[in-house]
Amino acid sequence: VQTCLFRSMFVTAWYGIYDPTTRQLGYAAAGHPPPRLCRGENLSMLDQAGGLPLGIMAEADYDSASVQLEPGDKLTLFTDGITEAFDPNRKQYGEARFDAVLQRSCPDQDSPQGTIDALLDDVRTFARGMPNDDDQTLLALQVD
């Protein structure tokens, strides 16, 4: 009897190139949650480019997309450890709750740090002391 152990290793990624002169953001994604864009009171996802996580297939194609950013736009990038945080009853935080917190901050001219603080505070309140199952990373920025 021969035993074969198959171990699947993969990673998600999001890659962006921003031109501050034209305010053009080009991006591609590999299984990573799409960043959120706050423009005025509107919240949207940068989900026009995506693909499988890296390591799922030896050969994979990835599309790219671009978005024209405007002064005042706020961009929030995050890892799935944020939206997949659990409370003591094993209920997941989820993207809907994440988006609701962002939606409330969209019209505010809060600093990017204020957005991060609001999200992390809400995740901690939701988790009620449960340890993280995954990394929790946030990056927020605002276009000048």
C-alpha atoms as a PDB file:
ATOM      1  CA  VAL A   1       0.000   0.000   0.000  1.00  0.00           C
ATOM      2  CA  GLN A   2       1.439   3.325  -1.014  1.00  0.00           C
ATOM      3  CA  THR A   3       0.290   6.495   0.698  1.00  0.00           C
ATOM      4  CA  CYS A   4       0.448   9.838  -1.022  1.00  0.00           C
ATOM      5  CA  LEU A   5       0.128  13.033   0.955  1.00  0.00           C
ATOM      6  CA  PHE A   6      -1.140  15.933  -1.138  1.00  0.00           C
ATOM      7  CA  ARG A   7      -0.558  19.332   0.350  1.00  0.00           C
ATOM      8  CA  SER A   8      -2.131  22.315  -1.294  1.00  0.00           C
ATOM      9  CA  MET A   9      -0.375  25.632  -0.799  1.00  0.00           C
ATOM     10  CA  PHE A  10      -1.661  28.864  -2.277  1.00  0.00           C
ATOM     11  CA  VAL A  11      -1.659  32.581  -1.646  1.00  0.00           C
ATOM     12  CA  THR A  12      -3.942  35.394  -2.691  1.00  0.00           C
ATOM     13  CA  ALA A  13      -2.533  38.622  -4.072  1.00  0.00           C
ATOM     14  CA  TRP A  14      -3.624  42.041  -5.236  1.00  0.00           C
ATOM     15  CA  TYR A  15      -1.267  44.159  -7.312  1.00  0.00           C
ATOM     16  CA  GLY A  16      -1.746  47.799  -8.169  1.00  0.00           C
ATOM     17  CA  ILE A  17       0.234  50.488  -9.946  1.00  0.00           C
ATOM     18  CA  TYR A  18      -0.813  54.069  -9.240  1.00  0.00           C
ATOM     19  CA  ASP A  19       0.226  57.053 -11.352  1.00  0.00           C
ATOM     20  CA  PRO A  20      -0.113  60.150  -9.132  1.00  0.00           C
ATOM     21  CA  THR A  21       0.164  62.470 -12.133  1.00  0.00           C
ATOM     22  CA  THR A  22      -2.895  61.065 -13.917  1.00  0.00           C
ATOM     23  CA  ARG A  23      -4.520  59.482 -10.824  1.00  0.00           C
ATOM     24  CA  GLN A  24      -4.872  56.269 -12.843  1.00  0.00           C
ATOM     25  CA  LEU A  25      -4.770  52.986 -10.886  1.00  0.00           C
ATOM     26  CA  GLY A  26      -4.076  49.776 -12.786  1.00  0.00           C
ATOM     27  CA  TYR A  27      -4.585  46.508 -10.912  1.00  0.00           C
ATOM     28  CA  ALA A  28      -4.823  42.730 -11.042  1.00  0.00           C
ATOM     29  CA  ALA A  29      -5.933  40.186  -8.468  1.00  0.00           C
ATOM     30  CA  ALA A  30      -5.305  36.533  -7.728  1.00  0.00           C
ATOM     31  CA  GLY A  31      -8.075  35.318  -5.436  1.00  0.00           C
ATOM     32  CA  HIS A  32      -7.752  38.322  -3.134  1.00  0.00           C
ATOM     33  CA  PRO A  33     -10.784  40.224  -1.815  1.00  0.00           C
ATOM     34  CA  PRO A  34     -11.446  43.257  -4.002  1.00  0.00           C
ATOM     35  CA  PRO A  35     -10.487  46.619  -2.485  1.00  0.00           C
ATOM     36  CA  ARG A  36     -13.282  49.050  -1.731  1.00  0.00           C
ATOM     37  CA  LEU A  37     -13.498  52.525  -3.230  1.00  0.00           C
ATOM     38  CA  CYS A  38     -15.373  55.312  -1.451  1.00  0.00           C
ATOM     39  CA  ARG A  39     -16.270  58.187  -3.738  1.00  0.00           C
ATOM     40  CA  GLY A  40     -18.457  60.711  -1.968  1.00  0.00           C
ATOM     41  CA  GLU A  41     -21.285  58.654  -0.457  1.00  0.00           C
ATOM     42  CA  ASN A  42     -20.820  55.758  -2.884  1.00  0.00           C
ATOM     43  CA  LEU A  43     -19.024  52.535  -2.033  1.00  0.00           C
ATOM     44  CA  SER A  44     -17.896  50.187  -4.809  1.00  0.00           C
ATOM     45  CA  MET A  45     -15.559  47.223  -5.294  1.00  0.00           C
ATOM     46  CA  LEU A  46     -12.531  47.157  -7.559  1.00  0.00           C
ATOM     47  CA  ASP A  47     -13.533  43.752  -8.910  1.00  0.00           C
ATOM     48  CA  GLN A  48     -13.070  44.126 -12.658  1.00  0.00           C
ATOM     49  CA  ALA A  49      -9.899  42.001 -12.672  1.00  0.00           C
ATOM     50  CA  GLY A  50      -9.359  38.725 -10.912  1.00  0.00           C
ATOM     51  CA  GLY A  51      -8.235  35.167 -11.125  1.00  0.00           C
ATOM     52  CA  LEU A  52      -7.392  32.087  -9.112  1.00  0.00           C
ATOM     53  CA  PRO A  53      -5.131  32.331  -6.075  1.00  0.00           C
ATOM     54  CA  LEU A  54      -1.437  31.836  -6.880  1.00  0.00           C
ATOM     55  CA  GLY A  55      -0.380  28.192  -6.557  1.00  0.00           C
ATOM     56  CA  ILE A  56      -3.730  26.626  -7.502  1.00  0.00           C
ATOM     57  CA  MET A  57      -2.612  25.926 -11.080  1.00  0.00           C
ATOM     58  CA  ALA A  58       0.871  25.875 -12.562  1.00  0.00           C
ATOM     59  CA  GLU A  59      -0.286  28.034 -15.468  1.00  0.00           C
ATOM     60  CA  ALA A  60      -2.979  30.653 -15.010  1.00  0.00           C
ATOM     61  CA  ASP A  61      -4.021  33.820 -16.795  1.00  0.00           C
ATOM     62  CA  TYR A  62      -4.805  37.035 -14.941  1.00  0.00           C
ATOM     63  CA  ASP A  63      -6.710  39.973 -16.327  1.00  0.00           C
ATOM     64  CA  SER A  64      -5.953  43.543 -15.410  1.00  0.00           C
ATOM     65  CA  ALA A  65      -8.193  46.572 -15.116  1.00  0.00           C
ATOM     66  CA  SER A  66      -7.846  50.248 -14.350  1.00  0.00           C
ATOM     67  CA  VAL A  67      -9.817  52.939 -12.619  1.00  0.00           C
ATOM     68  CA  GLN A  68      -9.584  56.699 -12.794  1.00  0.00           C
ATOM     69  CA  LEU A  69      -9.360  58.010  -9.242  1.00  0.00           C
ATOM     70  CA  GLU A  70     -10.477  61.479  -8.208  1.00  0.00           C
ATOM     71  CA  PRO A  71      -9.361  63.831  -5.423  1.00  0.00           C
ATOM     72  CA  GLY A  72     -10.989  62.759  -2.165  1.00  0.00           C
ATOM     73  CA  ASP A  73     -11.448  59.115  -3.206  1.00  0.00           C
ATOM     74  CA  LYS A  74     -10.686  56.660  -0.408  1.00  0.00           C
ATOM     75  CA  LEU A  75      -9.358  53.193  -1.167  1.00  0.00           C
ATOM     76  CA  THR A  76      -9.372  50.381   1.420  1.00  0.00           C
ATOM     77  CA  LEU A  77      -7.480  47.130   0.858  1.00  0.00           C
ATOM     78  CA  PHE A  78      -7.784  44.199   3.259  1.00  0.00           C
ATOM     79  CA  THR A  79      -7.019  40.552   3.794  1.00  0.00           C
ATOM     80  CA  ASP A  80      -9.755  37.976   4.243  1.00  0.00           C
ATOM     81  CA  GLY A  81      -8.747  37.571   7.885  1.00  0.00           C
ATOM     82  CA  ILE A  82     -10.780  40.731   8.507  1.00  0.00           C
ATOM     83  CA  THR A  83     -14.009  39.542   6.901  1.00  0.00           C
ATOM     84  CA  GLU A  84     -13.518  35.939   8.087  1.00  0.00           C
ATOM     85  CA  ALA A  85     -13.115  36.867  11.774  1.00  0.00           C
ATOM     86  CA  PHE A  86     -15.397  34.865  14.072  1.00  0.00           C
ATOM     87  CA  ASP A  87     -17.370  35.669  17.206  1.00  0.00           C
ATOM     88  CA  PRO A  88     -17.601  33.163  20.118  1.00  0.00           C
ATOM     89  CA  ASN A  89     -20.576  31.461  18.386  1.00  0.00           C
ATOM     90  CA  ARG A  90     -18.444  30.946  15.230  1.00  0.00           C
ATOM     91  CA  LYS A  91     -20.497  33.479  13.280  1.00  0.00           C
ATOM     92  CA  GLN A  92     -18.385  35.161  10.606  1.00  0.00           C
ATOM     93  CA  TYR A  93     -17.892  38.946  10.482  1.00  0.00           C
ATOM     94  CA  GLY A  94     -18.539  38.984   6.726  1.00  0.00           C
ATOM     95  CA  GLU A  95     -18.210  41.396   3.858  1.00  0.00           C
ATOM     96  CA  ALA A  96     -21.675  42.905   4.413  1.00  0.00           C
ATOM     97  CA  ARG A  97     -20.706  44.151   7.876  1.00  0.00           C
ATOM     98  CA  PHE A  98     -17.314  45.319   6.587  1.00  0.00           C
ATOM     99  CA  ASP A  99     -19.026  47.277   3.805  1.00  0.00           C
ATOM    100  CA  ALA A 100     -21.558  48.773   6.240  1.00  0.00           C
ATOM    101  CA  VAL A 101     -18.750  50.212   8.382  1.00  0.00           C
ATOM    102  CA  LEU A 102     -17.043  51.601   5.277  1.00  0.00           C
ATOM    103  CA  GLN A 103     -20.318  52.988   3.927  1.00  0.00           C
ATOM    104  CA  ARG A 104     -20.800  55.009   7.115  1.00  0.00           C
ATOM    105  CA  SER A 105     -17.332  56.506   6.734  1.00  0.00           C
ATOM    106  CA  CYS A 106     -17.567  57.276   2.998  1.00  0.00           C
ATOM    107  CA  PRO A 107     -19.078  60.775   3.274  1.00  0.00           C
ATOM    108  CA  ASP A 108     -16.788  61.675   6.180  1.00  0.00           C
ATOM    109  CA  GLN A 109     -13.496  63.299   5.435  1.00  0.00           C
ATOM    110  CA  ASP A 110     -11.866  61.039   8.023  1.00  0.00           C
ATOM    111  CA  SER A 111      -8.234  60.317   7.544  1.00  0.00           C
ATOM    112  CA  PRO A 112      -7.287  56.875   6.252  1.00  0.00           C
ATOM    113  CA  GLN A 113      -6.191  56.105   9.819  1.00  0.00           C
ATOM    114  CA  GLY A 114      -9.731  56.903  11.008  1.00  0.00           C
ATOM    115  CA  THR A 115     -11.110  54.344   8.543  1.00  0.00           C
ATOM    116  CA  ILE A 116      -8.662  51.702   9.759  1.00  0.00           C
ATOM    117  CA  ASP A 117      -9.454  52.464  13.401  1.00  0.00           C
ATOM    118  CA  ALA A 118     -13.224  52.223  12.791  1.00  0.00           C
ATOM    119  CA  LEU A 119     -12.895  48.870  11.016  1.00  0.00           C
ATOM    120  CA  LEU A 120     -10.518  47.334  13.557  1.00  0.00           C
ATOM    121  CA  ASP A 121     -12.656  48.536  16.465  1.00  0.00           C
ATOM    122  CA  ASP A 122     -15.738  46.975  14.877  1.00  0.00           C
ATOM    123  CA  VAL A 123     -13.966  43.663  14.203  1.00  0.00           C
ATOM    124  CA  ARG A 124     -12.683  43.526  17.805  1.00  0.00           C
ATOM    125  CA  THR A 125     -16.156  44.330  19.172  1.00  0.00           C
ATOM    126  CA  PHE A 126     -17.681  41.628  16.963  1.00  0.00           C
ATOM    127  CA  ALA A 127     -15.063  38.988  17.871  1.00  0.00           C
ATOM    128  CA  ARG A 128     -15.466  39.564  21.631  1.00  0.00           C
ATOM    129  CA  GLY A 129     -12.008  38.242  22.437  1.00  0.00           C
ATOM    130  CA  MET A 130     -11.871  35.372  19.954  1.00  0.00           C
ATOM    131  CA  PRO A 131      -8.343  34.889  18.584  1.00  0.00           C
ATOM    132  CA  ASN A 132      -7.655  35.531  14.901  1.00  0.00           C
ATOM    133  CA  ASP A 133      -7.713  32.469  12.643  1.00  0.00           C
ATOM    134  CA  ASP A 134      -5.845  34.369   9.924  1.00  0.00           C
ATOM    135  CA  ASP A 135      -3.847  37.547   9.480  1.00  0.00           C
ATOM    136  CA  GLN A 136      -5.825  40.783   9.674  1.00  0.00           C
ATOM    137  CA  THR A 137      -4.310  43.446   7.471  1.00  0.00           C
ATOM    138  CA  LEU A 138      -5.812  46.760   6.380  1.00  0.00           C
ATOM    139  CA  LEU A 139      -4.444  49.505   4.157  1.00  0.00           C
ATOM    140  CA  ALA A 140      -6.408  52.710   3.597  1.00  0.00           C
ATOM    141  CA  LEU A 141      -5.427  55.686   1.478  1.00  0.00           C
ATOM    142  CA  GLN A 142      -6.964  58.882   0.204  1.00  0.00           C
ATOM    143  CA  VAL A 143      -6.278  60.529  -3.148  1.00  0.00           C
ATOM    144  CA  ASP A 144      -4.992  64.117  -3.054  1.00  0.00           C
END
